[in-house]
Amino acid sequence: MATGNIIFKELEPDDRVPEYLKHALVAEVDTIRNTMHVVTHFTEHLLTAMSFCLSAYENEKPNNKHT
């Protein structure tokens, strides 16, 4: 039973993380943050414009004149 634990101990990483991995992780997080900022920015403006157009359309009186 002790040999099974030794195999798993060999799979455990060292306590230190390489610098390139830290930089790669920070770059990924920054990319995700920037992407979410862009998506939120354009979605917010799109939904605001749609809401404005729909409210302006709702406030118009229907023209029921048939010629």
Protein backbone atom coordinates (compact mmCIF):
# COMPACT_ATOMS: atom_id res chain seq x y z
CA MET A 1 0.00 0.00 0.00
CA ALA A 2 2.91 2.33 0.61
CA THR A 3 4.06 2.06 -3.00
CA GLY A 4 0.80 3.63 -4.21
CA ASN A 5 1.46 6.74 -2.14
CA ILE A 6 4.97 7.07 -3.53
CA ILE A 7 3.62 7.18 -7.09
CA PHE A 8 1.28 10.04 -6.21
CA LYS A 9 4.06 11.89 -4.37
CA GLU A 10 6.08 11.84 -7.60
CA LEU A 11 3.19 13.56 -9.41
CA GLU A 12 3.06 16.48 -6.95
CA PRO A 13 4.68 19.62 -8.35
CA ASP A 14 7.37 21.62 -6.63
CA ASP A 15 6.37 24.48 -4.36
CA ARG A 16 7.65 27.05 -6.82
CA VAL A 17 5.96 28.13 -10.03
CA PRO A 18 8.18 29.15 -12.96
CA GLU A 19 8.18 32.85 -13.83
CA TYR A 20 7.06 32.27 -17.42
CA LEU A 21 3.96 30.49 -16.12
CA LYS A 22 3.13 33.41 -13.83
CA HIS A 23 3.45 35.86 -16.72
CA ALA A 24 1.36 33.64 -19.00
CA LEU A 25 -1.39 33.40 -16.39
CA VAL A 26 -1.43 37.17 -15.84
CA ALA A 27 -1.57 37.72 -19.61
CA GLU A 28 -4.54 35.36 -19.92
CA VAL A 29 -6.40 37.11 -17.12
CA ASP A 30 -5.71 40.50 -18.72
CA THR A 31 -6.96 39.24 -22.08
CA ILE A 32 -10.18 37.95 -20.53
CA ARG A 33 -10.67 41.20 -18.60
CA ASN A 34 -10.12 43.33 -21.71
CA THR A 35 -12.45 41.16 -23.78
CA MET A 36 -15.20 41.40 -21.19
CA HIS A 37 -14.74 45.17 -21.03
CA VAL A 38 -15.15 45.50 -24.82
CA VAL A 39 -18.17 43.18 -24.91
CA THR A 40 -19.84 45.01 -22.02
CA HIS A 41 -19.13 48.39 -23.60
CA PHE A 42 -20.68 47.53 -26.98
CA THR A 43 -23.56 45.52 -25.52
CA GLU A 44 -24.48 48.34 -23.16
CA HIS A 45 -24.57 50.90 -25.97
CA LEU A 46 -26.46 48.55 -28.28
CA LEU A 47 -29.13 47.79 -25.68
CA THR A 48 -29.41 51.46 -24.72
CA ALA A 49 -29.94 52.43 -28.37
CA MET A 50 -32.51 49.67 -28.89
CA SER A 51 -34.36 50.70 -25.74
CA PHE A 52 -34.38 54.33 -26.87
CA CYS A 53 -35.69 53.41 -30.32
CA LEU A 54 -38.41 51.18 -28.92
CA SER A 55 -39.53 53.78 -26.41
CA ALA A 56 -39.67 56.43 -29.15
CA TYR A 57 -41.67 54.04 -31.35
CA GLU A 58 -44.05 53.26 -28.48
CA ASN A 59 -44.73 56.95 -27.84
CA GLU A 60 -45.77 57.64 -31.43
CA LYS A 61 -49.46 57.78 -32.16
CA PRO A 62 -50.58 55.37 -34.84
CA ASN A 63 -51.58 56.93 -38.14
CA ASN A 64 -54.85 55.26 -39.09
CA LYS A 65 -55.55 57.39 -42.14
CA HIS A 66 -56.30 55.26 -45.14
CA THR A 67 -56.46 57.04 -48.45
